[in-house]
Amino acid sequence: AETPSSSLSDVFSQYFQTVSEYLSK
């Protein structure tokens, strides 16, 4: 019940944020 349904844009934004953190840190 706590797991919200993620939209495609949320998934992509989280992916790009993760990649950005990897590249910067």
PDB file of all heavy atoms in Angstrom:
ATOM      1  N   ALA A   1       0.821  -1.195   0.000  1.00  0.00           N
ATOM      2  CA  ALA A   1       0.000   0.000   0.000  1.00  0.00           C
ATOM      3  C   ALA A   1       0.861   1.254   0.000  1.00  0.00           C
ATOM      4  O   ALA A   1       0.474   2.281  -0.547  1.00  0.00           O
ATOM      5  CB  ALA A   1      -0.920   0.008   1.225  1.00  0.00           C
ATOM      6  N   GLU A   2       2.064   1.197   0.594  1.00  0.00           N
ATOM      7  CA  GLU A   2       2.924   2.370   0.659  1.00  0.00           C
ATOM      8  C   GLU A   2       3.651   2.634  -0.649  1.00  0.00           C
ATOM      9  O   GLU A   2       4.124   3.723  -0.884  1.00  0.00           O
ATOM     10  CB  GLU A   2       3.955   2.183   1.776  1.00  0.00           C
ATOM     11  CG  GLU A   2       3.357   2.247   3.153  1.00  0.00           C
ATOM     12  CD  GLU A   2       4.387   1.993   4.237  1.00  0.00           C
ATOM     13  OE1 GLU A   2       5.583   1.907   3.913  1.00  0.00           O
ATOM     14  OE2 GLU A   2       3.991   1.884   5.398  1.00  0.00           O
ATOM     15  N   THR A   3       3.786   1.645  -1.526  1.00  0.00           N
ATOM     16  CA  THR A   3       4.498   1.826  -2.781  1.00  0.00           C
ATOM     17  C   THR A   3       3.613   2.604  -3.751  1.00  0.00           C
ATOM     18  O   THR A   3       2.602   2.099  -4.225  1.00  0.00           O
ATOM     19  CB  THR A   3       4.846   0.457  -3.396  1.00  0.00           C
ATOM     20  OG1 THR A   3       5.520  -0.316  -2.427  1.00  0.00           O
ATOM     21  CG2 THR A   3       5.705   0.628  -4.621  1.00  0.00           C
ATOM     22  N   PRO A   4       3.977   3.853  -4.063  1.00  0.00           N
ATOM     23  CA  PRO A   4       3.166   4.635  -4.999  1.00  0.00           C
ATOM     24  C   PRO A   4       3.464   4.192  -6.426  1.00  0.00           C
ATOM     25  O   PRO A   4       4.550   3.721  -6.735  1.00  0.00           O
ATOM     26  CB  PRO A   4       3.636   6.067  -4.765  1.00  0.00           C
ATOM     27  CG  PRO A   4       5.037   5.922  -4.299  1.00  0.00           C
ATOM     28  CD  PRO A   4       5.080   4.626  -3.539  1.00  0.00           C
ATOM     29  N   SER A   5       2.487   4.355  -7.279  1.00  0.00           N
ATOM     30  CA  SER A   5       2.704   4.025  -8.674  1.00  0.00           C
ATOM     31  C   SER A   5       3.470   5.178  -9.318  1.00  0.00           C
ATOM     32  O   SER A   5       3.049   6.334  -9.252  1.00  0.00           O
ATOM     33  CB  SER A   5       1.372   3.787  -9.381  1.00  0.00           C
ATOM     34  OG  SER A   5       0.582   4.952  -9.297  1.00  0.00           O
ATOM     35  N   SER A   6       4.634   4.890  -9.889  1.00  0.00           N
ATOM     36  CA  SER A   6       5.493   5.915 -10.463  1.00  0.00           C
ATOM     37  C   SER A   6       5.163   6.098 -11.930  1.00  0.00           C
ATOM     38  O   SER A   6       4.935   5.146 -12.659  1.00  0.00           O
ATOM     39  CB  SER A   6       6.961   5.509 -10.326  1.00  0.00           C
ATOM     40  OG  SER A   6       7.298   5.353  -8.976  1.00  0.00           O
ATOM     41  N   SER A   7       5.182   7.336 -12.344  1.00  0.00           N
ATOM     42  CA  SER A   7       4.972   7.599 -13.758  1.00  0.00           C
ATOM     43  C   SER A   7       6.299   7.472 -14.487  1.00  0.00           C
ATOM     44  O   SER A   7       7.367   7.429 -13.871  1.00  0.00           O
ATOM     45  CB  SER A   7       4.397   9.004 -13.950  1.00  0.00           C
ATOM     46  OG  SER A   7       5.362   9.965 -13.576  1.00  0.00           O
ATOM     47  N   LEU A   8       6.242   7.414 -15.780  1.00  0.00           N
ATOM     48  CA  LEU A   8       7.439   7.241 -16.588  1.00  0.00           C
ATOM     49  C   LEU A   8       8.392   8.416 -16.428  1.00  0.00           C
ATOM     50  O   LEU A   8       9.613   8.243 -16.346  1.00  0.00           O
ATOM     51  CB  LEU A   8       7.037   7.054 -18.052  1.00  0.00           C
ATOM     52  CG  LEU A   8       8.136   6.649 -19.021  1.00  0.00           C
ATOM     53  CD1 LEU A   8       8.744   5.331 -18.582  1.00  0.00           C
ATOM     54  CD2 LEU A   8       7.582   6.529 -20.425  1.00  0.00           C
ATOM     55  N   SER A   9       7.852   9.602 -16.324  1.00  0.00           N
ATOM     56  CA  SER A   9       8.715  10.781 -16.160  1.00  0.00           C
ATOM     57  C   SER A   9       9.424  10.765 -14.808  1.00  0.00           C
ATOM     58  O   SER A   9      10.580  11.192 -14.703  1.00  0.00           O
ATOM     59  CB  SER A   9       7.904  12.065 -16.323  1.00  0.00           C
ATOM     60  OG  SER A   9       6.927  12.155 -15.307  1.00  0.00           O
ATOM     61  N   ASP A  10       8.755  10.254 -13.771  1.00  0.00           N
ATOM     62  CA  ASP A  10       9.403  10.142 -12.464  1.00  0.00           C
ATOM     63  C   ASP A  10      10.563   9.145 -12.510  1.00  0.00           C
ATOM     64  O   ASP A  10      11.625   9.391 -11.924  1.00  0.00           O
ATOM     65  CB  ASP A  10       8.405   9.705 -11.389  1.00  0.00           C
ATOM     66  CG  ASP A  10       7.370  10.772 -11.075  1.00  0.00           C
ATOM     67  OD1 ASP A  10       7.641  11.961 -11.359  1.00  0.00           O
ATOM     68  OD2 ASP A  10       6.304  10.404 -10.538  1.00  0.00           O
ATOM     69  N   VAL A  11      10.347   8.049 -13.204  1.00  0.00           N
ATOM     70  CA  VAL A  11      11.389   7.035 -13.315  1.00  0.00           C
ATOM     71  C   VAL A  11      12.601   7.607 -14.055  1.00  0.00           C
ATOM     72  O   VAL A  11      13.745   7.448 -13.621  1.00  0.00           O
ATOM     73  CB  VAL A  11      10.862   5.773 -14.025  1.00  0.00           C
ATOM     74  CG1 VAL A  11      11.992   4.802 -14.334  1.00  0.00           C
ATOM     75  CG2 VAL A  11       9.790   5.099 -13.193  1.00  0.00           C
ATOM     76  N   PHE A  12      12.336   8.310 -15.170  1.00  0.00           N
ATOM     77  CA  PHE A  12      13.441   8.894 -15.929  1.00  0.00           C
ATOM     78  C   PHE A  12      14.157   9.986 -15.137  1.00  0.00           C
ATOM     79  O   PHE A  12      15.383  10.079 -15.165  1.00  0.00           O
ATOM     80  CB  PHE A  12      12.956   9.461 -17.270  1.00  0.00           C
ATOM     81  CG  PHE A  12      12.865   8.418 -18.340  1.00  0.00           C
ATOM     82  CD1 PHE A  12      11.666   8.180 -18.981  1.00  0.00           C
ATOM     83  CD2 PHE A  12      13.986   7.684 -18.714  1.00  0.00           C
ATOM     84  CE1 PHE A  12      11.579   7.221 -19.968  1.00  0.00           C
ATOM     85  CE2 PHE A  12      13.911   6.732 -19.701  1.00  0.00           C
ATOM     86  CZ  PHE A  12      12.706   6.489 -20.334  1.00  0.00           C
ATOM     87  N   SER A  13      13.414  10.807 -14.434  1.00  0.00           N
ATOM     88  CA  SER A  13      14.064  11.871 -13.663  1.00  0.00           C
ATOM     89  C   SER A  13      14.915  11.278 -12.542  1.00  0.00           C
ATOM     90  O   SER A  13      16.017  11.756 -12.267  1.00  0.00           O
ATOM     91  CB  SER A  13      13.025  12.845 -13.093  1.00  0.00           C
ATOM     92  OG  SER A  13      12.204  12.195 -12.147  1.00  0.00           O
ATOM     93  N   GLN A  14      14.432  10.218 -11.907  1.00  0.00           N
ATOM     94  CA  GLN A  14      15.224   9.558 -10.871  1.00  0.00           C
ATOM     95  C   GLN A  14      16.474   8.912 -11.479  1.00  0.00           C
ATOM     96  O   GLN A  14      17.568   9.001 -10.914  1.00  0.00           O
ATOM     97  CB  GLN A  14      14.388   8.492 -10.165  1.00  0.00           C
ATOM     98  CG  GLN A  14      15.112   7.852  -8.991  1.00  0.00           C
ATOM     99  CD  GLN A  14      14.239   6.830  -8.278  1.00  0.00           C
ATOM    100  OE1 GLN A  14      13.143   6.526  -8.713  1.00  0.00           O
ATOM    101  NE2 GLN A  14      14.757   6.297  -7.185  1.00  0.00           N
ATOM    102  N   TYR A  15      16.323   8.327 -12.656  1.00  0.00           N
ATOM    103  CA  TYR A  15      17.461   7.716 -13.335  1.00  0.00           C
ATOM    104  C   TYR A  15      18.514   8.768 -13.673  1.00  0.00           C
ATOM    105  O   TYR A  15      19.699   8.589 -13.414  1.00  0.00           O
ATOM    106  CB  TYR A  15      16.999   6.994 -14.605  1.00  0.00           C
ATOM    107  CG  TYR A  15      18.138   6.513 -15.468  1.00  0.00           C
ATOM    108  CD1 TYR A  15      18.880   5.395 -15.103  1.00  0.00           C
ATOM    109  CD2 TYR A  15      18.479   7.186 -16.637  1.00  0.00           C
ATOM    110  CE1 TYR A  15      19.928   4.956 -15.886  1.00  0.00           C
ATOM    111  CE2 TYR A  15      19.527   6.747 -17.421  1.00  0.00           C
ATOM    112  CZ  TYR A  15      20.246   5.637 -17.052  1.00  0.00           C
ATOM    113  OH  TYR A  15      21.286   5.210 -17.818  1.00  0.00           O
ATOM    114  N   PHE A  16      18.084   9.892 -14.252  1.00  0.00           N
ATOM    115  CA  PHE A  16      19.032  10.938 -14.624  1.00  0.00           C
ATOM    116  C   PHE A  16      19.671  11.582 -13.395  1.00  0.00           C
ATOM    117  O   PHE A  16      20.835  11.977 -13.423  1.00  0.00           O
ATOM    118  CB  PHE A  16      18.361  11.990 -15.507  1.00  0.00           C
ATOM    119  CG  PHE A  16      18.098  11.501 -16.897  1.00  0.00           C
ATOM    120  CD1 PHE A  16      16.832  11.551 -17.436  1.00  0.00           C
ATOM    121  CD2 PHE A  16      19.124  10.960 -17.669  1.00  0.00           C
ATOM    122  CE1 PHE A  16      16.586  11.097 -18.707  1.00  0.00           C
ATOM    123  CE2 PHE A  16      18.885  10.503 -18.950  1.00  0.00           C
ATOM    124  CZ  PHE A  16      17.609  10.567 -19.474  1.00  0.00           C
ATOM    125  N   GLN A  17      18.939  11.665 -12.313  1.00  0.00           N
ATOM    126  CA  GLN A  17      19.505  12.196 -11.080  1.00  0.00           C
ATOM    127  C   GLN A  17      20.589  11.258 -10.551  1.00  0.00           C
ATOM    128  O   GLN A  17      21.653  11.700 -10.126  1.00  0.00           O
ATOM    129  CB  GLN A  17      18.413  12.385 -10.030  1.00  0.00           C
ATOM    130  CG  GLN A  17      18.921  12.984  -8.735  1.00  0.00           C
ATOM    131  CD  GLN A  17      17.814  13.166  -7.720  1.00  0.00           C
ATOM    132  OE1 GLN A  17      16.666  12.803  -7.960  1.00  0.00           O
ATOM    133  NE2 GLN A  17      18.158  13.719  -6.582  1.00  0.00           N
ATOM    134  N   THR A  18      20.321   9.963 -10.613  1.00  0.00           N
ATOM    135  CA  THR A  18      21.308   8.980 -10.171  1.00  0.00           C
ATOM    136  C   THR A  18      22.556   9.036 -11.042  1.00  0.00           C
ATOM    137  O   THR A  18      23.683   9.028 -10.530  1.00  0.00           O
ATOM    138  CB  THR A  18      20.709   7.565 -10.210  1.00  0.00           C
ATOM    139  OG1 THR A  18      19.514   7.539  -9.434  1.00  0.00           O
ATOM    140  CG2 THR A  18      21.691   6.530  -9.695  1.00  0.00           C
ATOM    141  N   VAL A  19      22.379   9.117 -12.344  1.00  0.00           N
ATOM    142  CA  VAL A  19      23.518   9.206 -13.258  1.00  0.00           C
ATOM    143  C   VAL A  19      24.298  10.490 -13.004  1.00  0.00           C
ATOM    144  O   VAL A  19      25.529  10.500 -12.979  1.00  0.00           O
ATOM    145  CB  VAL A  19      23.056   9.120 -14.729  1.00  0.00           C
ATOM    146  CG1 VAL A  19      24.179   9.466 -15.686  1.00  0.00           C
ATOM    147  CG2 VAL A  19      22.514   7.738 -15.022  1.00  0.00           C
ATOM    148  N   SER A  20      23.580  11.585 -12.780  1.00  0.00           N
ATOM    149  CA  SER A  20      24.227  12.863 -12.507  1.00  0.00           C
ATOM    150  C   SER A  20      25.049  12.800 -11.226  1.00  0.00           C
ATOM    151  O   SER A  20      26.184  13.294 -11.172  1.00  0.00           O
ATOM    152  CB  SER A  20      23.168  13.956 -12.397  1.00  0.00           C
ATOM    153  OG  SER A  20      23.737  15.159 -11.958  1.00  0.00           O
ATOM    154  N   GLU A  21      24.505  12.205 -10.179  1.00  0.00           N
ATOM    155  CA  GLU A  21      25.245  12.058  -8.925  1.00  0.00           C
ATOM    156  C   GLU A  21      26.483  11.185  -9.124  1.00  0.00           C
ATOM    157  O   GLU A  21      27.541  11.478  -8.580  1.00  0.00           O
ATOM    158  CB  GLU A  21      24.347  11.455  -7.847  1.00  0.00           C
ATOM    159  CG  GLU A  21      23.291  12.401  -7.331  1.00  0.00           C
ATOM    160  CD  GLU A  21      22.359  11.734  -6.333  1.00  0.00           C
ATOM    161  OE1 GLU A  21      22.565  10.543  -6.011  1.00  0.00           O
ATOM    162  OE2 GLU A  21      21.417  12.408  -5.894  1.00  0.00           O
ATOM    163  N   TYR A  22      26.335  10.135  -9.912  1.00  0.00           N
ATOM    164  CA  TYR A  22      27.481   9.263 -10.173  1.00  0.00           C
ATOM    165  C   TYR A  22      28.589  10.019 -10.890  1.00  0.00           C
ATOM    166  O   TYR A  22      29.761   9.931 -10.522  1.00  0.00           O
ATOM    167  CB  TYR A  22      27.048   8.053 -11.004  1.00  0.00           C
ATOM    168  CG  TYR A  22      28.203   7.192 -11.451  1.00  0.00           C
ATOM    169  CD1 TYR A  22      28.829   6.331 -10.555  1.00  0.00           C
ATOM    170  CD2 TYR A  22      28.685   7.252 -12.746  1.00  0.00           C
ATOM    171  CE1 TYR A  22      29.901   5.540 -10.945  1.00  0.00           C
ATOM    172  CE2 TYR A  22      29.758   6.473 -13.150  1.00  0.00           C
ATOM    173  CZ  TYR A  22      30.357   5.626 -12.245  1.00  0.00           C
ATOM    174  OH  TYR A  22      31.415   4.861 -12.639  1.00  0.00           O
ATOM    175  N   LEU A  23      28.204  10.775 -11.929  1.00  0.00           N
ATOM    176  CA  LEU A  23      29.205  11.501 -12.700  1.00  0.00           C
ATOM    177  C   LEU A  23      29.860  12.621 -11.900  1.00  0.00           C
ATOM    178  O   LEU A  23      31.028  12.931 -12.090  1.00  0.00           O
ATOM    179  CB  LEU A  23      28.568  12.079 -13.971  1.00  0.00           C
ATOM    180  CG  LEU A  23      28.151  11.063 -15.024  1.00  0.00           C
ATOM    181  CD1 LEU A  23      27.431  11.750 -16.167  1.00  0.00           C
ATOM    182  CD2 LEU A  23      29.345  10.286 -15.536  1.00  0.00           C
ATOM    183  N   SER A  24      29.124  13.217 -10.978  1.00  0.00           N
ATOM    184  CA  SER A  24      29.683  14.343 -10.231  1.00  0.00           C
ATOM    185  C   SER A  24      30.424  13.925  -8.965  1.00  0.00           C
ATOM    186  O   SER A  24      31.337  14.626  -8.527  1.00  0.00           O
ATOM    187  CB  SER A  24      28.574  15.326  -9.869  1.00  0.00           C
ATOM    188  OG  SER A  24      27.662  14.737  -8.965  1.00  0.00           O
ATOM    189  N   LYS A  25      30.077  12.786  -8.371  1.00  0.00           N
ATOM    190  CA  LYS A  25      30.679  12.411  -7.088  1.00  0.00           C
ATOM    191  C   LYS A  25      31.554  11.165  -7.188  1.00  0.00           C
ATOM    192  O   LYS A  25      32.725  11.186  -6.803  1.00  0.00           O
ATOM    193  CB  LYS A  25      29.591  12.184  -6.037  1.00  0.00           C
ATOM    194  CG  LYS A  25      28.832  13.438  -5.683  1.00  0.00           C
ATOM    195  CD  LYS A  25      27.746  13.156  -4.677  1.00  0.00           C
ATOM    196  CE  LYS A  25      26.940  14.420  -4.404  1.00  0.00           C
ATOM    197  NZ  LYS A  25      25.800  14.150  -3.537  1.00  0.00           N
TER     198      LYS A  25
END
